[in-house]
């Protein structure tokens, strides 16, 4: 039994592991891109942030009861308050922010803008770091110019900035673990990629579709011992994450808190312009438990449609485990299929698709227009569902009708993009011979 089989690591070629040294000019350009991206985002830390309202309360409670007691704690009946219902990893971020806030403002009231800015700062820094990771991944696989342009494109994608720095969304954390997991999978290090994918799901359950992309190559490449090792590594990492909660006897409360979140927004589409927004003609608030066809409700139909869309993508990843563009594009596709076809979806759940899709686009030009279109539709979805916008135009009937028409158009475009993407990803799946690009091939199957 080789060491690679025992550790769940593929033997790689020099092209996979060796990165040409970046010149001083290239590093300075990268540093300027990262600094500029940070400076663009910093002023938005001073905006209230809609998601941050609940995060402030969570940070205060976690500071009082600790990470282990967060799921079973009593939460104050304040506007925007809700029991903690994310996965456990974000509790560590809340604890760190609480410690920093306490050091900077002893005796603070936990309601001020400083706390809001600190809660936003973590995701902002991670988002900028993702730009650097995109560069690092592409620097080993493509030209210097392509790597820098892709990094710049990611850092200035407006919807990402809006979601993180303005709204205060924490999706950058799950995106970080997904992209690290895909990076490890592309190098064949499944003992790392599977735990990293699990950590992404440990931030939010919405990371699960994109994280699934790391599984087929590992299952295809590894011997049973290697698969067992990767699974054990994943279990060990997650056991460490939930250890404080288990030690406090809050396991049942954690389980209830995480999965009760799935039914909080039991609507056809909470505010995502997807298939169900289009089917209901903008009636996203319709209960998704409404029976629609052959005794099935909207929720069941949506999940069935996702499985139908996901299966050929997973088969494609299984059949071409060395195809790096397909690996990254497949992860992004699974996320987009989930947000487009299932019910109860928020407008920002597609955030995690952009980093892997951009890497795929840098390696395969077919995905570049797709990235551009999705950047536009994602931004439109955020803009057209922005609460201040609707308060501002509440009495303007003509504008309201225009917004409604734009929402439906955006829904139709996104559904069309999903079909186009599926064709790009696995249109030739059942062809007898698949064209292989030599410069994108990685190591041969050595296990």
Protein backbone atom coordinates (compact mmCIF):
# COMPACT_ATOMS: atom_id res chain seq x y z
CA UNK A 1 0.00 0.00 0.00
CA UNK A 2 1.57 3.30 -1.05
CA UNK A 3 1.72 6.40 1.14
CA UNK A 4 -0.55 8.23 -1.29
CA UNK A 5 -3.26 5.61 -0.89
CA UNK A 6 -3.06 5.76 2.88
CA UNK A 7 -3.26 9.53 3.08
CA UNK A 8 -5.77 10.09 0.30
CA UNK A 9 -3.27 12.01 -1.86
CA UNK A 10 -2.81 11.72 -5.58
CA UNK A 11 0.67 11.54 -7.06
CA UNK A 12 1.00 14.78 -9.00
CA UNK A 13 3.15 15.94 -11.85
CA UNK A 14 5.57 18.85 -11.58
CA UNK A 15 3.10 21.02 -13.49
CA UNK A 16 0.65 20.60 -10.60
CA UNK A 17 3.02 21.38 -7.78
CA UNK A 18 5.51 23.80 -9.23
CA UNK A 19 4.56 27.45 -9.55
CA UNK A 20 6.84 29.73 -11.45
CA UNK A 21 8.17 32.47 -9.24
CA UNK A 22 6.17 35.65 -9.54
CA UNK A 23 8.15 38.75 -10.46
CA UNK A 24 8.35 41.75 -8.18
CA UNK A 25 6.20 43.72 -10.61
CA UNK A 26 3.53 41.03 -10.61
CA UNK A 27 3.44 40.92 -6.81
CA UNK A 28 3.19 44.70 -6.62
CA UNK A 29 0.29 44.63 -9.08
CA UNK A 30 -1.43 41.97 -7.01
CA UNK A 31 -0.87 43.96 -3.81
CA UNK A 32 -2.37 47.06 -5.42
CA UNK A 33 -5.40 45.07 -6.58
CA UNK A 34 -5.98 43.71 -3.07
CA UNK A 35 -5.47 47.13 -1.45
CA UNK A 36 -7.82 48.79 -3.93
CA UNK A 37 -10.47 46.12 -3.33
CA UNK A 38 -10.20 46.66 0.42
CA UNK A 39 -10.44 50.45 0.09
CA UNK A 40 -13.58 50.12 -2.04
CA UNK A 41 -15.24 48.04 0.66
CA UNK A 42 -14.17 49.86 3.82
CA UNK A 43 -16.59 52.84 3.50
CA UNK A 44 -19.50 50.38 3.29
CA UNK A 45 -18.64 49.11 6.76
CA UNK A 46 -20.29 52.30 8.02
CA UNK A 47 -23.67 51.31 6.55
CA UNK A 48 -26.10 49.53 8.91
CA UNK A 49 -26.25 46.19 7.09
CA UNK A 50 -29.50 44.23 7.18
CA UNK A 51 -28.09 40.86 8.21
CA UNK A 52 -25.89 42.49 10.85
CA UNK A 53 -28.90 43.31 13.05
CA UNK A 54 -29.22 39.67 14.09
CA UNK A 55 -25.45 39.15 14.14
CA UNK A 56 -25.06 41.85 16.80
CA UNK A 57 -27.47 40.04 19.08
CA UNK A 58 -25.77 36.72 18.41
CA UNK A 59 -22.34 38.20 19.20
CA UNK A 60 -23.63 39.55 22.52
CA UNK A 61 -25.21 36.23 23.50
CA UNK A 62 -22.12 34.23 22.50
CA UNK A 63 -19.99 36.61 24.59
CA UNK A 64 -22.24 35.80 27.55
CA UNK A 65 -22.72 32.03 27.22
CA UNK A 66 -19.78 30.99 25.07
CA UNK A 67 -19.69 28.95 21.86
CA UNK A 68 -20.98 25.82 23.57
CA UNK A 69 -24.12 27.44 24.93
CA UNK A 70 -25.23 29.45 21.92
CA UNK A 71 -27.82 27.00 20.56
CA UNK A 72 -29.63 26.58 23.88
CA UNK A 73 -29.47 30.22 24.99
CA UNK A 74 -32.41 32.60 25.41
CA UNK A 75 -32.32 35.43 22.89
CA UNK A 76 -33.69 38.89 23.72
CA UNK A 77 -37.03 39.90 22.15
CA UNK A 78 -35.59 42.78 20.15
CA UNK A 79 -36.33 43.89 16.57
CA UNK A 80 -34.45 41.60 14.21
CA UNK A 81 -33.71 39.06 16.93
CA UNK A 82 -33.77 35.33 16.25
CA UNK A 83 -32.25 32.27 17.84
CA UNK A 84 -28.92 31.25 16.36
CA UNK A 85 -29.75 28.98 13.42
CA UNK A 86 -26.57 28.71 11.37
CA UNK A 87 -24.03 25.93 11.50
CA UNK A 88 -21.45 26.03 14.32
CA UNK A 89 -18.38 27.50 12.59
CA UNK A 90 -19.73 31.05 12.52
CA UNK A 91 -19.96 30.90 16.32
CA UNK A 92 -16.16 31.07 16.41
CA UNK A 93 -16.24 34.25 14.33
CA UNK A 94 -18.87 35.76 16.62
CA UNK A 95 -16.76 34.91 19.66
CA UNK A 96 -13.65 36.51 18.15
CA UNK A 97 -15.59 39.64 17.18
CA UNK A 98 -17.07 39.83 20.67
CA UNK A 99 -13.62 39.69 22.26
CA UNK A 100 -12.33 42.40 19.92
CA UNK A 101 -15.36 44.62 20.54
CA UNK A 102 -15.00 44.20 24.31
CA UNK A 103 -11.35 45.21 24.11
CA UNK A 104 -12.04 48.25 21.92
CA UNK A 105 -15.17 49.41 23.74
CA UNK A 106 -15.35 48.10 27.32
CA UNK A 107 -18.88 48.40 28.60
CA UNK A 108 -20.31 48.97 25.10
CA UNK A 109 -24.02 48.47 24.54
CA UNK A 110 -23.56 45.92 21.68
CA UNK A 111 -25.83 47.94 19.41
CA UNK A 112 -23.45 50.52 17.92
CA UNK A 113 -21.91 50.87 14.48
CA UNK A 114 -18.48 49.77 15.72
CA UNK A 115 -19.84 46.30 16.38
CA UNK A 116 -21.57 46.29 12.97
CA UNK A 117 -18.29 47.30 11.28
CA UNK A 118 -16.35 44.59 13.09
CA UNK A 119 -18.92 41.96 12.08
CA UNK A 120 -18.59 43.05 8.46
CA UNK A 121 -14.81 43.31 8.54
CA UNK A 122 -14.23 39.55 8.82
CA UNK A 123 -16.16 38.63 5.66
CA UNK A 124 -14.64 41.61 3.83
CA UNK A 125 -11.10 40.48 4.64
CA UNK A 126 -11.93 36.91 3.61
CA UNK A 127 -13.46 38.14 0.36
CA UNK A 128 -10.30 40.06 -0.48
CA UNK A 129 -8.20 37.03 0.52
CA UNK A 130 -10.27 34.96 -1.92
CA UNK A 131 -9.03 37.24 -4.66
CA UNK A 132 -5.46 36.38 -3.69
CA UNK A 133 -6.31 32.67 -3.64
CA UNK A 134 -7.84 32.92 -7.12
CA UNK A 135 -4.54 34.43 -8.29
CA UNK A 136 -2.51 31.73 -6.56
CA UNK A 137 -4.52 28.90 -8.12
CA UNK A 138 -4.41 30.37 -11.60
CA UNK A 139 -0.76 31.41 -11.39
CA UNK A 140 0.20 27.74 -11.51
CA UNK A 141 -2.11 26.91 -14.41
CA UNK A 142 -2.28 29.87 -16.77
CA UNK A 143 -0.49 33.05 -17.79
CA UNK A 144 0.44 35.90 -15.47
CA UNK A 145 -1.87 38.29 -17.28
CA UNK A 146 -4.84 35.93 -17.11
CA UNK A 147 -4.31 35.30 -13.39
CA UNK A 148 -4.21 39.03 -12.61
CA UNK A 149 -7.21 39.86 -14.79
CA UNK A 150 -9.24 37.09 -13.16
CA UNK A 151 -8.29 38.34 -9.71
CA UNK A 152 -9.33 41.86 -10.62
CA UNK A 153 -12.62 40.61 -12.07
CA UNK A 154 -13.46 38.78 -8.86
CA UNK A 155 -12.55 41.67 -6.59
CA UNK A 156 -14.69 44.19 -8.48
CA UNK A 157 -17.75 42.00 -9.07
CA UNK A 158 -20.41 44.44 -7.76
CA UNK A 159 -22.81 41.86 -6.34
CA UNK A 160 -20.12 40.36 -4.15
CA UNK A 161 -19.18 43.75 -2.72
CA UNK A 162 -22.83 44.60 -2.12
CA UNK A 163 -23.59 41.30 -0.40
CA UNK A 164 -20.58 41.39 1.91
CA UNK A 165 -19.68 45.01 2.68
CA UNK A 166 -23.15 46.54 2.41
CA UNK A 167 -25.50 43.76 3.52
CA UNK A 168 -23.01 42.23 5.93
CA UNK A 169 -23.45 38.70 4.59
CA UNK A 170 -21.10 35.99 5.84
CA UNK A 171 -21.09 33.94 2.62
CA UNK A 172 -17.39 34.66 2.06
CA UNK A 173 -16.54 32.17 4.82
CA UNK A 174 -18.23 29.25 3.09
CA UNK A 175 -16.83 30.40 -0.26
CA UNK A 176 -13.33 30.30 1.24
CA UNK A 177 -13.64 26.69 2.37
CA UNK A 178 -15.24 25.61 -0.92
CA UNK A 179 -12.46 27.12 -3.01
CA UNK A 180 -9.77 25.64 -0.75
CA UNK A 181 -11.47 22.26 -0.99
CA UNK A 182 -11.61 22.45 -4.79
CA UNK A 183 -7.98 23.56 -4.93
CA UNK A 184 -6.97 20.56 -2.83
CA UNK A 185 -9.10 18.24 -4.95
CA UNK A 186 -7.47 19.56 -8.15
CA UNK A 187 -4.10 18.62 -6.62
CA UNK A 188 -5.45 15.21 -5.61
CA UNK A 189 -5.19 15.84 -1.86
CA UNK A 190 -8.55 14.43 -0.86
CA UNK A 191 -7.57 13.99 2.79
CA UNK A 192 -7.65 17.80 2.87
CA UNK A 193 -10.34 18.56 0.28
CA UNK A 194 -13.08 16.53 1.96
CA UNK A 195 -12.61 18.14 5.43
CA UNK A 196 -12.45 21.59 3.80
CA UNK A 197 -15.70 20.92 1.95
CA UNK A 198 -17.24 19.81 5.26
CA UNK A 199 -16.08 23.05 6.89
CA UNK A 200 -17.87 25.00 4.16
CA UNK A 201 -21.10 23.18 5.04
CA UNK A 202 -20.24 23.89 8.68
CA UNK A 203 -20.67 27.59 7.96
CA UNK A 204 -24.01 27.30 6.13
CA UNK A 205 -25.96 24.36 4.77
CA UNK A 206 -26.30 26.26 1.50
CA UNK A 207 -22.66 25.34 0.79
CA UNK A 208 -23.56 21.65 0.42
CA UNK A 209 -24.33 21.60 -3.33
CA UNK A 210 -21.07 23.28 -4.31
CA UNK A 211 -19.08 21.22 -1.81
CA UNK A 212 -20.34 17.98 -3.39
CA UNK A 213 -18.05 18.56 -6.37
CA UNK A 214 -15.00 17.32 -4.43
CA UNK A 215 -16.51 13.86 -3.92
CA UNK A 216 -16.56 12.20 -7.39
CA UNK A 217 -12.84 12.51 -8.13
CA UNK A 218 -11.92 11.17 -4.70
CA UNK A 219 -14.28 8.23 -4.99
CA UNK A 220 -12.96 7.53 -8.50
CA UNK A 221 -9.27 7.83 -7.69
CA UNK A 222 -8.76 6.48 -4.21
CA UNK A 223 -8.51 2.92 -3.01
CA UNK A 224 -10.84 1.93 -0.12
CA UNK A 225 -8.14 2.70 2.44
CA UNK A 226 -7.64 6.18 1.02
CA UNK A 227 -11.41 6.83 1.08
CA UNK A 228 -11.57 5.68 4.69
CA UNK A 229 -8.69 7.98 5.61
CA UNK A 230 -10.37 11.00 3.97
CA UNK A 231 -13.64 10.22 5.75
CA UNK A 232 -11.90 9.87 9.10
CA UNK A 233 -10.10 13.17 8.57
CA UNK A 234 -13.44 14.84 7.83
CA UNK A 235 -15.08 13.36 10.91
CA UNK A 236 -12.14 14.37 13.11
CA UNK A 237 -12.20 17.99 11.90
CA UNK A 238 -15.93 18.35 12.43
CA UNK A 239 -15.71 16.67 15.85
CA UNK A 240 -13.23 19.36 16.92
CA UNK A 241 -15.57 22.07 15.63
CA UNK A 242 -18.59 20.88 17.62
CA UNK A 243 -16.63 19.77 20.70
CA UNK A 244 -17.55 22.84 22.83
CA UNK A 245 -21.23 22.31 22.02
CA UNK A 246 -21.15 18.60 22.79
CA UNK A 247 -19.31 19.19 26.07
CA UNK A 248 -22.05 21.60 27.15
CA UNK A 249 -24.73 19.02 26.40
CA UNK A 250 -26.20 21.10 23.57
CA UNK A 251 -26.03 18.53 20.76
CA UNK A 252 -29.81 18.20 20.40
CA UNK A 253 -30.24 21.97 20.55
CA UNK A 254 -27.58 22.36 17.84
CA UNK A 255 -29.30 19.82 15.61
CA UNK A 256 -32.67 21.50 16.10
CA UNK A 257 -31.26 24.99 15.51
CA UNK A 258 -29.48 24.02 12.30
CA UNK A 259 -32.27 22.11 10.64
CA UNK A 260 -35.22 24.17 11.83
CA UNK A 261 -33.66 26.89 9.67
CA UNK A 262 -34.69 24.93 6.58
CA UNK A 263 -38.36 25.68 7.25
CA UNK A 264 -38.06 29.33 8.30
CA UNK A 265 -38.82 30.56 4.79
CA UNK A 266 -41.25 27.94 3.51
CA UNK A 267 -42.08 29.91 0.38
CA UNK A 268 -41.71 29.18 -3.32
CA UNK A 269 -39.01 31.85 -3.51
CA UNK A 270 -38.18 34.07 -0.59
CA UNK A 271 -36.65 36.72 -2.87
CA UNK A 272 -34.48 34.88 -5.38
CA UNK A 273 -35.36 35.34 -9.05
CA UNK A 274 -35.42 31.67 -9.91
CA UNK A 275 -37.71 29.15 -11.60
CA UNK A 276 -40.35 29.46 -8.89
CA UNK A 277 -40.43 33.24 -9.06
CA UNK A 278 -41.11 32.85 -12.76
CA UNK A 279 -43.70 30.06 -12.37
CA UNK A 280 -45.68 32.03 -9.77
CA UNK A 281 -45.26 35.28 -11.75
CA UNK A 282 -43.62 37.04 -8.86
CA UNK A 283 -45.72 35.39 -6.17
CA UNK A 284 -42.68 34.18 -4.25
CA UNK A 285 -44.52 34.34 -0.93
CA UNK A 286 -46.78 31.44 -1.90
CA UNK A 287 -46.27 28.54 0.58
CA UNK A 288 -44.02 25.91 -0.98
CA UNK A 289 -46.03 23.16 0.70
CA UNK A 290 -48.90 23.89 -1.71
CA UNK A 291 -49.72 20.81 -3.77
CA UNK A 292 -48.97 21.60 -7.40
CA UNK A 293 -48.73 18.47 -9.55
CA UNK A 294 -49.47 14.73 -9.13
CA UNK A 295 -49.82 15.12 -5.39
CA UNK A 296 -46.38 16.75 -5.08
CA UNK A 297 -45.90 20.18 -3.54
CA UNK A 298 -43.58 22.92 -4.80
CA UNK A 299 -40.83 21.97 -2.35
CA UNK A 300 -40.78 18.32 -3.41
CA UNK A 301 -40.82 19.22 -7.10
CA UNK A 302 -37.99 21.70 -6.62
CA UNK A 303 -35.77 19.18 -4.86
CA UNK A 304 -36.52 16.56 -7.52
CA UNK A 305 -35.58 19.03 -10.27
CA UNK A 306 -32.31 19.79 -8.50
CA UNK A 307 -31.45 16.11 -8.26
CA UNK A 308 -32.21 15.69 -11.98
CA UNK A 309 -29.91 18.62 -12.79
CA UNK A 310 -27.17 17.55 -10.37
CA UNK A 311 -26.88 13.90 -11.40
CA UNK A 312 -25.34 14.44 -14.87
CA UNK A 313 -22.97 17.05 -13.42
CA UNK A 314 -21.73 14.59 -10.81
CA UNK A 315 -21.39 11.89 -13.49
CA UNK A 316 -19.38 14.31 -15.61
CA UNK A 317 -17.05 14.99 -12.68
CA UNK A 318 -16.72 11.25 -12.12
CA UNK A 319 -15.85 10.58 -15.75
CA UNK A 320 -13.31 13.40 -16.03
CA UNK A 321 -11.61 13.68 -12.61
CA UNK A 322 -8.55 15.38 -14.13
CA UNK A 323 -10.50 18.13 -15.90
CA UNK A 324 -9.79 21.18 -13.72
CA UNK A 325 -12.12 23.62 -15.50
CA UNK A 326 -14.95 21.12 -15.20
CA UNK A 327 -14.21 20.57 -11.49
CA UNK A 328 -14.49 24.27 -10.64
CA UNK A 329 -17.36 24.90 -13.06
CA UNK A 330 -19.16 21.83 -11.74
CA UNK A 331 -19.08 23.11 -8.18
CA UNK A 332 -20.43 26.48 -9.27
CA UNK A 333 -23.09 24.82 -11.43
CA UNK A 334 -24.36 22.70 -8.54
CA UNK A 335 -24.78 25.83 -6.42
CA UNK A 336 -26.61 27.65 -9.20
CA UNK A 337 -28.86 24.68 -9.96
CA UNK A 338 -29.77 24.52 -6.28
CA UNK A 339 -30.65 28.22 -6.06
CA UNK A 340 -32.53 28.18 -9.37
CA UNK A 341 -34.61 25.03 -8.94
CA UNK A 342 -35.38 24.68 -5.22
CA UNK A 343 -37.81 26.71 -3.14
CA UNK A 344 -37.37 29.11 -0.21
CA UNK A 345 -34.16 30.54 -1.67
CA UNK A 346 -32.65 33.91 -0.73
CA UNK A 347 -31.18 36.23 -3.30
CA UNK A 348 -27.61 35.88 -1.97
CA UNK A 349 -27.35 32.09 -1.86
CA UNK A 350 -25.55 32.08 -5.22
CA UNK A 351 -22.59 33.99 -3.77
CA UNK A 352 -20.38 30.90 -3.50
CA UNK A 353 -20.50 30.09 -7.21
CA UNK A 354 -18.47 33.09 -8.37
CA UNK A 355 -14.95 32.18 -7.23
CA UNK A 356 -14.95 28.65 -8.70
CA UNK A 357 -16.71 29.80 -11.87
CA UNK A 358 -14.14 32.53 -12.41
CA UNK A 359 -11.30 30.02 -12.10
CA UNK A 360 -13.07 27.79 -14.63
CA UNK A 361 -13.54 30.80 -16.92
CA UNK A 362 -9.85 31.66 -16.75
CA UNK A 363 -8.97 28.10 -17.77
CA UNK A 364 -11.77 27.63 -20.32
CA UNK A 365 -12.96 30.65 -22.30
CA UNK A 366 -16.43 29.12 -22.79
CA UNK A 367 -17.37 30.11 -19.24
CA UNK A 368 -16.34 33.78 -19.46
CA UNK A 369 -19.57 35.14 -20.90
CA UNK A 370 -21.48 33.04 -18.41
CA UNK A 371 -19.61 34.68 -15.53
CA UNK A 372 -20.36 38.13 -16.93
CA UNK A 373 -24.08 37.39 -17.32
CA UNK A 374 -24.35 35.92 -13.82
CA UNK A 375 -22.55 38.91 -12.33
CA UNK A 376 -25.27 41.11 -13.85
CA UNK A 377 -28.26 38.96 -12.86
CA UNK A 378 -26.93 38.47 -9.32
CA UNK A 379 -26.52 42.22 -8.91
CA UNK A 380 -29.99 42.88 -10.32
CA UNK A 381 -31.48 40.38 -7.92
CA UNK A 382 -29.85 42.13 -4.97
CA UNK A 383 -30.84 45.58 -6.22
CA UNK A 384 -34.45 44.76 -7.11
CA UNK A 385 -35.03 43.16 -3.68
CA UNK A 386 -33.35 45.92 -1.65
CA UNK A 387 -35.77 47.03 1.12
CA UNK A 388 -34.82 50.75 0.94
CA UNK A 389 -35.62 50.73 -2.77
CA UNK A 390 -39.14 49.46 -2.13
CA UNK A 391 -39.75 51.98 0.63
CA UNK A 392 -38.58 54.74 -1.68
CA UNK A 393 -40.87 53.76 -4.59
CA UNK A 394 -43.84 52.61 -2.50
CA UNK A 395 -46.13 55.29 -3.92
CA UNK A 396 -44.81 55.26 -7.48
CA UNK A 397 -47.10 52.83 -9.26
CA UNK A 398 -45.31 53.02 -12.64
CA UNK A 399 -41.95 52.29 -11.05
CA UNK A 400 -43.39 49.37 -9.10
CA UNK A 401 -44.74 47.80 -12.31
CA UNK A 402 -41.33 48.30 -13.94
CA UNK A 403 -39.61 46.59 -11.03
CA UNK A 404 -42.06 43.69 -11.25
CA UNK A 405 -41.36 43.27 -14.97
CA UNK A 406 -37.60 43.41 -14.40
CA UNK A 407 -37.84 40.76 -11.71
CA UNK A 408 -39.66 38.38 -14.06
CA UNK A 409 -37.20 39.11 -16.85
CA UNK A 410 -34.29 38.45 -14.51
CA UNK A 411 -35.90 35.15 -13.49
CA UNK A 412 -36.28 34.07 -17.12
CA UNK A 413 -32.69 35.00 -17.91
CA UNK A 414 -31.35 33.06 -14.92
CA UNK A 415 -33.33 29.97 -15.91
CA UNK A 416 -31.92 30.28 -19.42
CA UNK A 417 -28.39 30.60 -18.04
CA UNK A 418 -28.84 27.37 -16.10
CA UNK A 419 -29.77 25.50 -19.28
CA UNK A 420 -26.85 27.02 -21.16
CA UNK A 421 -24.49 26.15 -18.33
CA UNK A 422 -25.67 22.56 -18.23
CA UNK A 423 -24.96 22.24 -21.93
CA UNK A 424 -21.44 23.67 -21.50
CA UNK A 425 -20.71 21.40 -18.57
CA UNK A 426 -21.96 18.02 -19.71
CA UNK A 427 -23.35 18.44 -23.21
CA UNK A 428 -20.79 15.95 -24.53
CA UNK A 429 -21.03 13.62 -21.54
CA UNK A 430 -22.44 10.71 -23.51
CA UNK A 431 -20.33 11.24 -26.61
CA UNK A 432 -18.16 8.28 -27.56
CA UNK A 433 -14.98 10.32 -27.57
CA UNK A 434 -14.32 13.38 -25.42
CA UNK A 435 -11.79 15.90 -26.67
CA UNK A 436 -9.02 16.39 -24.12
CA UNK A 437 -6.91 19.53 -23.92
CA UNK A 438 -3.35 18.34 -23.18
CA UNK A 439 -2.22 21.42 -21.33
CA UNK A 440 -5.12 21.11 -18.89
CA UNK A 441 -4.57 17.41 -18.15
CA UNK A 442 -3.08 16.52 -14.81
CA UNK A 443 -1.51 13.36 -13.46
CA UNK A 444 -2.44 9.99 -14.85
CA UNK A 445 -4.35 7.55 -12.73
CA UNK A 446 -1.62 6.08 -10.51
CA UNK A 447 -3.75 4.60 -7.74
